[in-house]
PDB file of N, CA and C in Angstrom:
ATOM      1  N   MET A   1     -33.792  24.774 -29.901  1.00  0.00           N
ATOM      2  CA  MET A   1     -32.787  24.358 -30.846  1.00  0.00           C
ATOM      3  C   MET A   1     -33.249  24.651 -32.274  1.00  0.00           C
ATOM      4  N   LYS A   2     -34.552  24.414 -32.540  1.00  0.00           N
ATOM      5  CA  LYS A   2     -35.078  24.703 -33.870  1.00  0.00           C
ATOM      6  C   LYS A   2     -34.981  26.187 -34.181  1.00  0.00           C
ATOM      7  N   LYS A   3     -35.191  27.023 -33.168  1.00  0.00           N
ATOM      8  CA  LYS A   3     -35.110  28.467 -33.379  1.00  0.00           C
ATOM      9  C   LYS A   3     -33.686  28.874 -33.752  1.00  0.00           C
ATOM     10  N   LEU A   4     -32.696  28.248 -33.146  1.00  0.00           N
ATOM     11  CA  LEU A   4     -31.310  28.548 -33.453  1.00  0.00           C
ATOM     12  C   LEU A   4     -30.987  28.183 -34.897  1.00  0.00           C
ATOM     13  N   VAL A   5     -31.423  27.021 -35.326  1.00  0.00           N
ATOM     14  CA  VAL A   5     -31.181  26.577 -36.702  1.00  0.00           C
ATOM     15  C   VAL A   5     -31.853  27.538 -37.676  1.00  0.00           C
ATOM     16  N   ARG A   6     -33.088  27.876 -37.402  1.00  0.00           N
ATOM     17  CA  ARG A   6     -33.809  28.809 -38.277  1.00  0.00           C
ATOM     18  C   ARG A   6     -33.105  30.159 -38.327  1.00  0.00           C
ATOM     19  N   ALA A   7     -32.646  30.632 -37.189  1.00  0.00           N
ATOM     20  CA  ALA A   7     -31.961  31.929 -37.137  1.00  0.00           C
ATOM     21  C   ALA A   7     -30.680  31.890 -37.957  1.00  0.00           C
ATOM     22  N   VAL A   8     -29.917  30.824 -37.848  1.00  0.00           N
ATOM     23  CA  VAL A   8     -28.667  30.704 -38.603  1.00  0.00           C
ATOM     24  C   VAL A   8     -28.954  30.694 -40.102  1.00  0.00           C
ATOM     25  N   VAL A   9     -29.965  29.940 -40.512  1.00  0.00           N
ATOM     26  CA  VAL A   9     -30.312  29.859 -41.930  1.00  0.00           C
ATOM     27  C   VAL A   9     -30.789  31.221 -42.434  1.00  0.00           C
ATOM     28  N   VAL A  10     -31.646  31.879 -41.670  1.00  0.00           N
ATOM     29  CA  VAL A  10     -32.153  33.191 -42.080  1.00  0.00           C
ATOM     30  C   VAL A  10     -31.015  34.210 -42.170  1.00  0.00           C
ATOM     31  N   ILE A  11     -30.124  34.205 -41.195  1.00  0.00           N
ATOM     32  CA  ILE A  11     -28.995  35.137 -41.215  1.00  0.00           C
ATOM     33  C   ILE A  11     -28.107  34.877 -42.431  1.00  0.00           C
ATOM     34  N   ALA A  12     -27.860  33.628 -42.735  1.00  0.00           N
ATOM     35  CA  ALA A  12     -27.033  33.303 -43.902  1.00  0.00           C
ATOM     36  C   ALA A  12     -27.690  33.796 -45.188  1.00  0.00           C
ATOM     37  N   ILE A  13     -28.986  33.565 -45.319  1.00  0.00           N
ATOM     38  CA  ILE A  13     -29.705  33.997 -46.518  1.00  0.00           C
ATOM     39  C   ILE A  13     -29.705  35.516 -46.622  1.00  0.00           C
ATOM     40  N   ILE A  14     -29.998  36.192 -45.528  1.00  0.00           N
ATOM     41  CA  ILE A  14     -30.018  37.660 -45.540  1.00  0.00           C
ATOM     42  C   ILE A  14     -28.641  38.205 -45.886  1.00  0.00           C
ATOM     43  N   GLY A  15     -27.606  37.633 -45.321  1.00  0.00           N
ATOM     44  CA  GLY A  15     -26.253  38.081 -45.606  1.00  0.00           C
ATOM     45  C   GLY A  15     -25.885  37.928 -47.072  1.00  0.00           C
ATOM     46  N   ILE A  16     -26.260  36.814 -47.643  1.00  0.00           N
ATOM     47  CA  ILE A  16     -25.947  36.575 -49.053  1.00  0.00           C
ATOM     48  C   ILE A  16     -26.730  37.533 -49.951  1.00  0.00           C
ATOM     49  N   VAL A  17     -28.019  37.673 -49.687  1.00  0.00           N
ATOM     50  CA  VAL A  17     -28.834  38.573 -50.504  1.00  0.00           C
ATOM     51  C   VAL A  17     -28.354  40.009 -50.359  1.00  0.00           C
ATOM     52  N   ALA A  18     -28.116  40.453 -49.142  1.00  0.00           N
ATOM     53  CA  ALA A  18     -27.658  41.828 -48.916  1.00  0.00           C
ATOM     54  C   ALA A  18     -26.307  42.065 -49.568  1.00  0.00           C
ATOM     55  N   SER A  19     -25.476  41.048 -49.585  1.00  0.00           N
ATOM     56  CA  SER A  19     -24.147  41.189 -50.164  1.00  0.00           C
ATOM     57  C   SER A  19     -24.185  41.426 -51.658  1.00  0.00           C
ATOM     58  N   PHE A  20     -25.250  41.022 -52.288  1.00  0.00           N
ATOM     59  CA  PHE A  20     -25.312  41.114 -53.736  1.00  0.00           C
ATOM     60  C   PHE A  20     -26.129  42.262 -54.269  1.00  0.00           C
ATOM     61  N   LEU A  21     -26.733  43.017 -53.413  1.00  0.00           N
ATOM     62  CA  LEU A  21     -27.599  44.077 -53.883  1.00  0.00           C
ATOM     63  C   LEU A  21     -26.843  45.223 -54.562  1.00  0.00           C
ATOM     64  N   PHE A  22     -25.537  45.307 -54.347  1.00  0.00           N
ATOM     65  CA  PHE A  22     -24.765  46.415 -54.898  1.00  0.00           C
ATOM     66  C   PHE A  22     -23.512  45.956 -55.640  1.00  0.00           C
ATOM     67  N   ARG A  23     -23.566  44.908 -56.404  1.00  0.00           N
ATOM     68  CA  ARG A  23     -22.409  44.243 -56.981  1.00  0.00           C
ATOM     69  C   ARG A  23     -21.733  44.955 -58.147  1.00  0.00           C
ATOM     70  N   LYS A  24     -22.414  45.584 -59.051  1.00  0.00           N
ATOM     71  CA  LYS A  24     -21.808  46.095 -60.283  1.00  0.00           C
ATOM     72  C   LYS A  24     -20.813  47.218 -60.067  1.00  0.00           C
ATOM     73  N   LYS A  25     -20.856  47.914 -58.967  1.00  0.00           N
ATOM     74  CA  LYS A  25     -19.911  48.996 -58.691  1.00  0.00           C
ATOM     75  C   LYS A  25     -18.546  48.472 -58.253  1.00  0.00           C
ATOM     76  N   LEU A  26     -18.428  47.181 -58.097  1.00  0.00           N
ATOM     77  CA  LEU A  26     -17.193  46.576 -57.596  1.00  0.00           C
ATOM     78  C   LEU A  26     -16.056  46.538 -58.596  1.00  0.00           C
ATOM     79  N   GLY A  27     -16.365  46.394 -59.850  1.00  0.00           N
ATOM     80  CA  GLY A  27     -15.324  46.108 -60.819  1.00  0.00           C
ATOM     81  C   GLY A  27     -15.041  44.614 -60.852  1.00  0.00           C
ATOM     82  N   LEU A  28     -15.721  43.866 -60.030  1.00  0.00           N
ATOM     83  CA  LEU A  28     -15.664  42.408 -59.951  1.00  0.00           C
ATOM     84  C   LEU A  28     -14.262  41.838 -59.816  1.00  0.00           C
ATOM     85  N   ALA A  29     -13.587  42.276 -58.808  1.00  0.00           N
ATOM     86  CA  ALA A  29     -12.293  41.689 -58.465  1.00  0.00           C
ATOM     87  C   ALA A  29     -12.537  40.602 -57.428  1.00  0.00           C
ATOM     88  N   LEU A  30     -13.419  39.671 -57.762  1.00  0.00           N
ATOM     89  CA  LEU A  30     -13.799  38.613 -56.825  1.00  0.00           C
ATOM     90  C   LEU A  30     -12.917  37.385 -57.043  1.00  0.00           C
ATOM     91  N   ALA A  31     -12.505  36.800 -55.957  1.00  0.00           N
ATOM     92  CA  ALA A  31     -11.667  35.616 -56.046  1.00  0.00           C
ATOM     93  C   ALA A  31     -12.355  34.456 -55.349  1.00  0.00           C
ATOM     94  N   GLY A  32     -12.112  33.282 -55.855  1.00  0.00           N
ATOM     95  CA  GLY A  32     -12.601  32.078 -55.215  1.00  0.00           C
ATOM     96  C   GLY A  32     -14.037  31.758 -55.562  1.00  0.00           C
ATOM     97  N   PRO A  33     -14.429  30.519 -55.319  1.00  0.00           N
ATOM     98  CA  PRO A  33     -15.779  30.079 -55.654  1.00  0.00           C
ATOM     99  C   PRO A  33     -16.864  30.792 -54.840  1.00  0.00           C
ATOM    100  N   GLU A  34     -16.558  31.114 -53.576  1.00  0.00           N
ATOM    101  CA  GLU A  34     -17.550  31.810 -52.759  1.00  0.00           C
ATOM    102  C   GLU A  34     -17.829  33.206 -53.317  1.00  0.00           C
ATOM    103  N   GLY A  35     -16.794  33.915 -53.732  1.00  0.00           N
ATOM    104  CA  GLY A  35     -16.963  35.235 -54.323  1.00  0.00           C
ATOM    105  C   GLY A  35     -17.779  35.181 -55.599  1.00  0.00           C
ATOM    106  N   LYS A  36     -17.521  34.192 -56.422  1.00  0.00           N
ATOM    107  CA  LYS A  36     -18.270  34.036 -57.669  1.00  0.00           C
ATOM    108  C   LYS A  36     -19.724  33.688 -57.379  1.00  0.00           C
ATOM    109  N   ALA A  37     -19.946  32.849 -56.382  1.00  0.00           N
ATOM    110  CA  ALA A  37     -21.313  32.502 -56.009  1.00  0.00           C
ATOM    111  C   ALA A  37     -22.042  33.741 -55.490  1.00  0.00           C
ATOM    112  N   CYS A  38     -21.363  34.539 -54.686  1.00  0.00           N
ATOM    113  CA  CYS A  38     -21.960  35.770 -54.168  1.00  0.00           C
ATOM    114  C   CYS A  38     -22.310  36.719 -55.307  1.00  0.00           C
ATOM    115  N   ALA A  39     -21.444  36.835 -56.289  1.00  0.00           N
ATOM    116  CA  ALA A  39     -21.708  37.692 -57.442  1.00  0.00           C
ATOM    117  C   ALA A  39     -22.910  37.180 -58.228  1.00  0.00           C
ATOM    118  N   HIS A  40     -23.012  35.868 -58.377  1.00  0.00           N
ATOM    119  CA  HIS A  40     -24.135  35.287 -59.127  1.00  0.00           C
ATOM    120  C   HIS A  40     -25.457  35.530 -58.405  1.00  0.00           C
ATOM    121  N   VAL A  41     -25.446  35.373 -57.090  1.00  0.00           N
ATOM    122  CA  VAL A  41     -26.664  35.667 -56.322  1.00  0.00           C
ATOM    123  C   VAL A  41     -27.047  37.133 -56.503  1.00  0.00           C
ATOM    124  N   GLY A  42     -26.063  38.004 -56.525  1.00  0.00           N
ATOM    125  CA  GLY A  42     -26.319  39.427 -56.749  1.00  0.00           C
ATOM    126  C   GLY A  42     -26.988  39.676 -58.090  1.00  0.00           C
ATOM    127  N   GLU A  43     -26.500  39.001 -59.111  1.00  0.00           N
ATOM    128  CA  GLU A  43     -27.100  39.138 -60.436  1.00  0.00           C
ATOM    129  C   GLU A  43     -28.540  38.650 -60.445  1.00  0.00           C
ATOM    130  N   LEU A  44     -28.770  37.536 -59.772  1.00  0.00           N
ATOM    131  CA  LEU A  44     -30.117  36.951 -59.774  1.00  0.00           C
ATOM    132  C   LEU A  44     -31.094  37.722 -58.898  1.00  0.00           C
ATOM    133  N   CYS A  45     -30.619  38.267 -57.785  1.00  0.00           N
ATOM    134  CA  CYS A  45     -31.521  38.824 -56.778  1.00  0.00           C
ATOM    135  C   CYS A  45     -31.598  40.350 -56.768  1.00  0.00           C
ATOM    136  N   SER A  46     -30.700  41.028 -57.441  1.00  0.00           N
ATOM    137  CA  SER A  46     -30.709  42.486 -57.428  1.00  0.00           C
ATOM    138  C   SER A  46     -31.792  43.006 -58.364  1.00  0.00           C
ATOM    139  N   SER A  47     -32.635  43.877 -57.834  1.00  0.00           N
ATOM    140  CA  SER A  47     -33.723  44.417 -58.650  1.00  0.00           C
ATOM    141  C   SER A  47     -33.270  45.590 -59.500  1.00  0.00           C
ATOM    142  N   ASP A  48     -32.248  46.316 -59.067  1.00  0.00           N
ATOM    143  CA  ASP A  48     -31.808  47.491 -59.811  1.00  0.00           C
ATOM    144  C   ASP A  48     -30.421  47.338 -60.417  1.00  0.00           C
ATOM    145  N   GLY A  49     -29.812  46.161 -60.260  1.00  0.00           N
ATOM    146  CA  GLY A  49     -28.509  45.905 -60.861  1.00  0.00           C
ATOM    147  C   GLY A  49     -27.345  46.569 -60.154  1.00  0.00           C
ATOM    148  N   SER A  50     -27.578  47.195 -58.992  1.00  0.00           N
ATOM    149  CA  SER A  50     -26.491  47.852 -58.288  1.00  0.00           C
ATOM    150  C   SER A  50     -25.832  46.897 -57.307  1.00  0.00           C
ATOM    151  N   ASP A  51     -24.665  47.274 -56.837  1.00  0.00           N
ATOM    152  CA  ASP A  51     -23.939  46.442 -55.875  1.00  0.00           C
ATOM    153  C   ASP A  51     -22.840  47.273 -55.235  1.00  0.00           C
ATOM    154  N   ALA A  52     -22.353  46.821 -54.092  1.00  0.00           N
ATOM    155  CA  ALA A  52     -21.253  47.511 -53.410  1.00  0.00           C
ATOM    156  C   ALA A  52     -20.252  46.473 -52.929  1.00  0.00           C
ATOM    157  N   LYS A  53     -18.983  46.843 -52.954  1.00  0.00           N
ATOM    158  CA  LYS A  53     -17.927  45.926 -52.551  1.00  0.00           C
ATOM    159  C   LYS A  53     -18.132  45.411 -51.134  1.00  0.00           C
ATOM    160  N   GLY A  54     -18.570  46.273 -50.247  1.00  0.00           N
ATOM    161  CA  GLY A  54     -18.788  45.873 -48.862  1.00  0.00           C
ATOM    162  C   GLY A  54     -19.807  44.773 -48.724  1.00  0.00           C
ATOM    163  N   ASP A  55     -20.853  44.804 -49.545  1.00  0.00           N
ATOM    164  CA  ASP A  55     -21.881  43.774 -49.467  1.00  0.00           C
ATOM    165  C   ASP A  55     -21.358  42.431 -49.954  1.00  0.00           C
ATOM    166  N   VAL A  56     -20.576  42.425 -51.014  1.00  0.00           N
ATOM    167  CA  VAL A  56     -20.006  41.166 -51.496  1.00  0.00           C
ATOM    168  C   VAL A  56     -19.021  40.629 -50.463  1.00  0.00           C
ATOM    169  N   ASP A  57     -18.252  41.538 -49.864  1.00  0.00           N
ATOM    170  CA  ASP A  57     -17.331  41.106 -48.812  1.00  0.00           C
ATOM    171  C   ASP A  57     -18.095  40.478 -47.649  1.00  0.00           C
ATOM    172  N   LYS A  58     -19.229  41.064 -47.295  1.00  0.00           N
ATOM    173  CA  LYS A  58     -20.058  40.506 -46.217  1.00  0.00           C
ATOM    174  C   LYS A  58     -20.550  39.118 -46.589  1.00  0.00           C
ATOM    175  N   CYS A  59     -20.931  38.938 -47.845  1.00  0.00           N
ATOM    176  CA  CYS A  59     -21.395  37.634 -48.305  1.00  0.00           C
ATOM    177  C   CYS A  59     -20.287  36.599 -48.195  1.00  0.00           C
ATOM    178  N   VAL A  60     -19.099  36.951 -48.659  1.00  0.00           N
ATOM    179  CA  VAL A  60     -17.968  36.025 -48.585  1.00  0.00           C
ATOM    180  C   VAL A  60     -17.646  35.712 -47.126  1.00  0.00           C
ATOM    181  N   ASP A  61     -17.721  36.741 -46.269  1.00  0.00           N
ATOM    182  CA  ASP A  61     -17.502  36.521 -44.832  1.00  0.00           C
ATOM    183  C   ASP A  61     -18.578  35.594 -44.259  1.00  0.00           C
ATOM    184  N   ALA A  62     -19.820  35.766 -44.715  1.00  0.00           N
ATOM    185  CA  ALA A  62     -20.906  34.895 -44.250  1.00  0.00           C
ATOM    186  C   ALA A  62     -20.654  33.454 -44.675  1.00  0.00           C
ATOM    187  N   MET A  63     -20.096  33.278 -45.865  1.00  0.00           N
ATOM    188  CA  MET A  63     -19.758  31.924 -46.329  1.00  0.00           C
ATOM    189  C   MET A  63     -18.668  31.320 -45.438  1.00  0.00           C
ATOM    190  N   ALA A  64     -17.689  32.134 -45.051  1.00  0.00           N
ATOM    191  CA  ALA A  64     -16.627  31.645 -44.172  1.00  0.00           C
ATOM    192  C   ALA A  64     -17.196  31.250 -42.813  1.00  0.00           C
ATOM    193  N   GLU A  65     -18.110  32.054 -42.296  1.00  0.00           N
ATOM    194  CA  GLU A  65     -18.768  31.722 -41.025  1.00  0.00           C
ATOM    195  C   GLU A  65     -19.608  30.463 -41.171  1.00  0.00           C
ATOM    196  N   ALA A  66     -20.272  30.325 -42.308  1.00  0.00           N
ATOM    197  CA  ALA A  66     -21.086  29.131 -42.545  1.00  0.00           C
ATOM    198  C   ALA A  66     -20.227  27.873 -42.556  1.00  0.00           C
ATOM    199  N   LYS A  67     -18.987  27.992 -43.045  1.00  0.00           N
ATOM    200  CA  LYS A  67     -18.086  26.836 -43.015  1.00  0.00           C
ATOM    201  C   LYS A  67     -17.812  26.404 -41.579  1.00  0.00           C
ATOM    202  N   LYS A  68     -17.723  27.379 -40.664  1.00  0.00           N
ATOM    203  CA  LYS A  68     -17.492  27.051 -39.257  1.00  0.00           C
ATOM    204  C   LYS A  68     -18.713  26.387 -38.637  1.00  0.00           C
ATOM    205  N   ILE A  69     -19.893  26.801 -39.057  1.00  0.00           N
ATOM    206  CA  ILE A  69     -21.129  26.311 -38.463  1.00  0.00           C
ATOM    207  C   ILE A  69     -21.594  25.009 -39.109  1.00  0.00           C
ATOM    208  N   ALA A  70     -21.645  24.996 -40.436  1.00  0.00           N
ATOM    209  CA  ALA A  70     -22.204  23.850 -41.150  1.00  0.00           C
ATOM    210  C   ALA A  70     -21.152  22.913 -41.722  1.00  0.00           C
ATOM    211  N   GLY A  71     -19.923  23.387 -41.819  1.00  0.00           N
ATOM    212  CA  GLY A  71     -18.846  22.576 -42.386  1.00  0.00           C
ATOM    213  C   GLY A  71     -18.565  22.957 -43.829  1.00  0.00           C
ATOM    214  N   PRO A  72     -17.324  22.742 -44.267  1.00  0.00           N
ATOM    215  CA  PRO A  72     -16.937  23.128 -45.624  1.00  0.00           C
ATOM    216  C   PRO A  72     -17.711  22.393 -46.714  1.00  0.00           C
ATOM    217  N   LYS A  73     -18.043  21.135 -46.473  1.00  0.00           N
ATOM    218  CA  LYS A  73     -18.767  20.356 -47.485  1.00  0.00           C
ATOM    219  C   LYS A  73     -20.130  20.979 -47.769  1.00  0.00           C
ATOM    220  N   ALA A  74     -20.826  21.420 -46.737  1.00  0.00           N
ATOM    221  CA  ALA A  74     -22.153  22.024 -46.917  1.00  0.00           C
ATOM    222  C   ALA A  74     -22.047  23.323 -47.710  1.00  0.00           C
ATOM    223  N   VAL A  75     -21.041  24.139 -47.418  1.00  0.00           N
ATOM    224  CA  VAL A  75     -20.860  25.396 -48.148  1.00  0.00           C
ATOM    225  C   VAL A  75     -20.491  25.103 -49.600  1.00  0.00           C
ATOM    226  N   ASP A  76     -19.618  24.135 -49.819  1.00  0.00           N
ATOM    227  CA  ASP A  76     -19.244  23.767 -51.184  1.00  0.00           C
ATOM    228  C   ASP A  76     -20.451  23.291 -51.983  1.00  0.00           C
ATOM    229  N   GLN A  77     -21.357  22.552 -51.330  1.00  0.00           N
ATOM    230  CA  GLN A  77     -22.579  22.106 -52.007  1.00  0.00           C
ATOM    231  C   GLN A  77     -23.448  23.301 -52.384  1.00  0.00           C
ATOM    232  N   SER A  78     -23.593  24.245 -51.469  1.00  0.00           N
ATOM    233  CA  SER A  78     -24.382  25.443 -51.760  1.00  0.00           C
ATOM    234  C   SER A  78     -23.764  26.242 -52.895  1.00  0.00           C
ATOM    235  N   VAL A  79     -22.446  26.426 -52.867  1.00  0.00           N
ATOM    236  CA  VAL A  79     -21.753  27.204 -53.891  1.00  0.00           C
ATOM    237  C   VAL A  79     -21.929  26.557 -55.266  1.00  0.00           C
ATOM    238  N   ALA A  80     -21.752  25.242 -55.346  1.00  0.00           N
ATOM    239  CA  ALA A  80     -21.913  24.543 -56.625  1.00  0.00           C
ATOM    240  C   ALA A  80     -23.342  24.689 -57.141  1.00  0.00           C
ATOM    241  N   CYS A  81     -24.293  24.585 -56.256  1.00  0.00           N
ATOM    242  CA  CYS A  81     -25.697  24.720 -56.636  1.00  0.00           C
ATOM    243  C   CYS A  81     -26.006  26.141 -57.099  1.00  0.00           C
ATOM    244  N   ILE A  82     -25.466  27.138 -56.383  1.00  0.00           N
ATOM    245  CA  ILE A  82     -25.712  28.542 -56.739  1.00  0.00           C
ATOM    246  C   ILE A  82     -25.221  28.835 -58.150  1.00  0.00           C
ATOM    247  N   HIS A  83     -24.095  28.266 -58.544  1.00  0.00           N
ATOM    248  CA  HIS A  83     -23.560  28.509 -59.887  1.00  0.00           C
ATOM    249  C   HIS A  83     -24.538  28.054 -60.972  1.00  0.00           C
ATOM    250  N   ASP A  84     -25.331  27.025 -60.680  1.00  0.00           N
ATOM    251  CA  ASP A  84     -26.288  26.505 -61.652  1.00  0.00           C
ATOM    252  C   ASP A  84     -27.672  27.141 -61.527  1.00  0.00           C
ATOM    253  N   ALA A  85     -27.899  27.935 -60.499  1.00  0.00           N
ATOM    254  CA  ALA A  85     -29.218  28.518 -60.255  1.00  0.00           C
ATOM    255  C   ALA A  85     -29.585  29.500 -61.365  1.00  0.00           C
ATOM    256  N   LYS A  86     -30.869  29.507 -61.718  1.00  0.00           N
ATOM    257  CA  LYS A  86     -31.369  30.396 -62.762  1.00  0.00           C
ATOM    258  C   LYS A  86     -32.236  31.513 -62.195  1.00  0.00           C
ATOM    259  N   THR A  87     -32.647  31.379 -60.936  1.00  0.00           N
ATOM    260  CA  THR A  87     -33.502  32.380 -60.299  1.00  0.00           C
ATOM    261  C   THR A  87     -32.986  32.690 -58.903  1.00  0.00           C
ATOM    262  N   CYS A  88     -33.443  33.811 -58.371  1.00  0.00           N
ATOM    263  CA  CYS A  88     -33.071  34.185 -57.006  1.00  0.00           C
ATOM    264  C   CYS A  88     -33.590  33.142 -56.015  1.00  0.00           C
ATOM    265  N   SER A  89     -34.820  32.707 -56.210  1.00  0.00           N
ATOM    266  CA  SER A  89     -35.390  31.695 -55.310  1.00  0.00           C
ATOM    267  C   SER A  89     -34.596  30.398 -55.375  1.00  0.00           C
ATOM    268  N   GLY A  90     -34.154  30.047 -56.563  1.00  0.00           N
ATOM    269  CA  GLY A  90     -33.336  28.847 -56.709  1.00  0.00           C
ATOM    270  C   GLY A  90     -32.027  28.969 -55.951  1.00  0.00           C
ATOM    271  N   ALA A  91     -31.402  30.141 -56.036  1.00  0.00           N
ATOM    272  CA  ALA A  91     -30.151  30.371 -55.319  1.00  0.00           C
ATOM    273  C   ALA A  91     -30.364  30.303 -53.812  1.00  0.00           C
ATOM    274  N   MET A  92     -31.449  30.885 -53.333  1.00  0.00           N
ATOM    275  CA  MET A  92     -31.745  30.833 -51.900  1.00  0.00           C
ATOM    276  C   MET A  92     -32.012  29.396 -51.461  1.00  0.00           C
ATOM    277  N   GLY A  93     -32.659  28.622 -52.315  1.00  0.00           N
ATOM    278  CA  GLY A  93     -32.872  27.207 -52.025  1.00  0.00           C
ATOM    279  C   GLY A  93     -31.554  26.454 -51.914  1.00  0.00           C
ATOM    280  N   CYS A  94     -30.587  26.860 -52.725  1.00  0.00           N
ATOM    281  CA  CYS A  94     -29.258  26.249 -52.662  1.00  0.00           C
ATOM    282  C   CYS A  94     -28.610  26.491 -51.305  1.00  0.00           C
ATOM    283  N   VAL A  95     -28.780  27.688 -50.785  1.00  0.00           N
ATOM    284  CA  VAL A  95     -28.206  28.019 -49.482  1.00  0.00           C
ATOM    285  C   VAL A  95     -28.875  27.190 -48.398  1.00  0.00           C
ATOM    286  N   VAL A  96     -30.195  27.133 -48.437  1.00  0.00           N
ATOM    287  CA  VAL A  96     -30.928  26.364 -47.431  1.00  0.00           C
ATOM    288  C   VAL A  96     -30.587  24.877 -47.553  1.00  0.00           C
ATOM    289  N   GLY A  97     -30.524  24.375 -48.775  1.00  0.00           N
ATOM    290  CA  GLY A  97     -30.250  22.960 -48.984  1.00  0.00           C
ATOM    291  C   GLY A  97     -28.851  22.556 -48.568  1.00  0.00           C
ATOM    292  N   GLY A  98     -27.872  23.393 -48.818  1.00  0.00           N
ATOM    293  CA  GLY A  98     -26.492  23.056 -48.459  1.00  0.00           C
ATOM    294  C   GLY A  98     -26.145  23.461 -47.050  1.00  0.00           C
ATOM    295  N   VAL A  99     -26.133  24.774 -46.800  1.00  0.00           N
ATOM    296  CA  VAL A  99     -25.735  25.296 -45.490  1.00  0.00           C
ATOM    297  C   VAL A  99     -26.771  24.953 -44.424  1.00  0.00           C
ATOM    298  N   GLY A 100     -28.051  25.098 -44.753  1.00  0.00           N
ATOM    299  CA  GLY A 100     -29.101  24.818 -43.771  1.00  0.00           C
ATOM    300  C   GLY A 100     -29.109  23.375 -43.323  1.00  0.00           C
ATOM    301  N   VAL A 101     -29.065  22.474 -44.289  1.00  0.00           N
ATOM    302  CA  VAL A 101     -29.058  21.045 -43.956  1.00  0.00           C
ATOM    303  C   VAL A 101     -27.747  20.672 -43.261  1.00  0.00           C
ATOM    304  N   GLY A 102     -26.640  21.262 -43.709  1.00  0.00           N
ATOM    305  CA  GLY A 102     -25.359  21.003 -43.046  1.00  0.00           C
ATOM    306  C   GLY A 102     -25.369  21.434 -41.593  1.00  0.00           C
ATOM    307  N   THR A 103     -26.018  22.572 -41.318  1.00  0.00           N
ATOM    308  CA  THR A 103     -26.137  23.054 -39.943  1.00  0.00           C
ATOM    309  C   THR A 103     -26.950  22.082 -39.100  1.00  0.00           C
ATOM    310  N   VAL A 104     -28.047  21.622 -39.646  1.00  0.00           N
ATOM    311  CA  VAL A 104     -28.892  20.676 -38.919  1.00  0.00           C
ATOM    312  C   VAL A 104     -28.130  19.376 -38.659  1.00  0.00           C
ATOM    313  N   LYS A 105     -27.391  18.906 -39.646  1.00  0.00           N
ATOM    314  CA  LYS A 105     -26.606  17.675 -39.466  1.00  0.00           C
ATOM    315  C   LYS A 105     -25.561  17.844 -38.371  1.00  0.00           C
ATOM    316  N   GLU A 106     -24.857  18.974 -38.368  1.00  0.00           N
ATOM    317  CA  GLU A 106     -23.841  19.215 -37.343  1.00  0.00           C
ATOM    318  C   GLU A 106     -24.470  19.296 -35.958  1.00  0.00           C
ATOM    319  N   MET A 107     -25.633  19.940 -35.875  1.00  0.00           N
ATOM    320  CA  MET A 107     -26.319  20.031 -34.583  1.00  0.00           C
ATOM    321  C   MET A 107     -26.773  18.650 -34.115  1.00  0.00           C
ATOM    322  N   ALA A 108     -27.303  17.853 -35.035  1.00  0.00           N
ATOM    323  CA  ALA A 108     -27.740  16.505 -34.681  1.00  0.00           C
ATOM    324  C   ALA A 108     -26.550  15.653 -34.230  1.00  0.00           C
ATOM    325  N   LYS A 109     -25.429  15.831 -34.900  1.00  0.00           N
ATOM    326  CA  LYS A 109     -24.225  15.109 -34.509  1.00  0.00           C
ATOM    327  C   LYS A 109     -23.801  15.522 -33.083  1.00  0.00           C
ATOM    328  N   GLY A 110     -23.861  16.817 -32.793  1.00  0.00           N
ATOM    329  CA  GLY A 110     -23.528  17.292 -31.462  1.00  0.00           C
ATOM    330  C   GLY A 110     -24.466  16.749 -30.404  1.00  0.00           C
ATOM    331  N   VAL A 111     -25.748  16.728 -30.725  1.00  0.00           N
ATOM    332  CA  VAL A 111     -26.734  16.179 -29.780  1.00  0.00           C
ATOM    333  C   VAL A 111     -26.441  14.698 -29.554  1.00  0.00           C
ATOM    334  N   GLY A 112     -26.172  13.978 -30.626  1.00  0.00           N
ATOM    335  CA  GLY A 112     -25.853  12.555 -30.505  1.00  0.00           C
ATOM    336  C   GLY A 112     -24.614  12.324 -29.658  1.00  0.00           C
ATOM    337  N   ASP A 113     -23.609  13.131 -29.864  1.00  0.00           N
ATOM    338  CA  ASP A 113     -22.379  12.994 -29.080  1.00  0.00           C
ATOM    339  C   ASP A 113     -22.645  13.264 -27.603  1.00  0.00           C
ATOM    340  N   ALA A 114     -23.465  14.275 -27.327  1.00  0.00           N
ATOM    341  CA  ALA A 114     -23.774  14.618 -25.938  1.00  0.00           C
ATOM    342  C   ALA A 114     -24.591  13.511 -25.266  1.00  0.00           C
ATOM    343  N   VAL A 115     -25.504  12.914 -25.985  1.00  0.00           N
ATOM    344  CA  VAL A 115     -26.352  11.870 -25.422  1.00  0.00           C
ATOM    345  C   VAL A 115     -25.555  10.617 -25.110  1.00  0.00           C
ATOM    346  N   THR A 116     -24.574  10.310 -25.946  1.00  0.00           N
ATOM    347  CA  THR A 116     -23.826   9.071 -25.755  1.00  0.00           C
ATOM    348  C   THR A 116     -22.717   9.188 -24.711  1.00  0.00           C
ATOM    349  N   ARG A 117     -22.486  10.368 -24.203  1.00  0.00           N
ATOM    350  CA  ARG A 117     -21.423  10.528 -23.189  1.00  0.00           C
ATOM    351  C   ARG A 117     -21.916  10.270 -21.823  1.00  0.00           C
TER     352      ARG A 117
END
């Protein structure tokens, strides 16, 4: 179970980072808080300042998947934190703190529900 949680968190982080590596070529037609958070991570984590629309789309899609896994509240917490992040590491910590902890909480809730049945 721990391996599954770690895998989900790692995949979410990789998706977000990869989504932002090519952001400036987009023209920034990003909508919604998740898109803005993805763009901000791109700014913080991109070493060469490049970006591609497909990567930002992947990031936004990863956020949508994270809502299914960790819940909307966890993603909203990560997004709000990312907007305030000043470093790439800080932004990644936001993802782990919001989505990662939300995933663990949902899994614990599922385990609890299964045990009590």
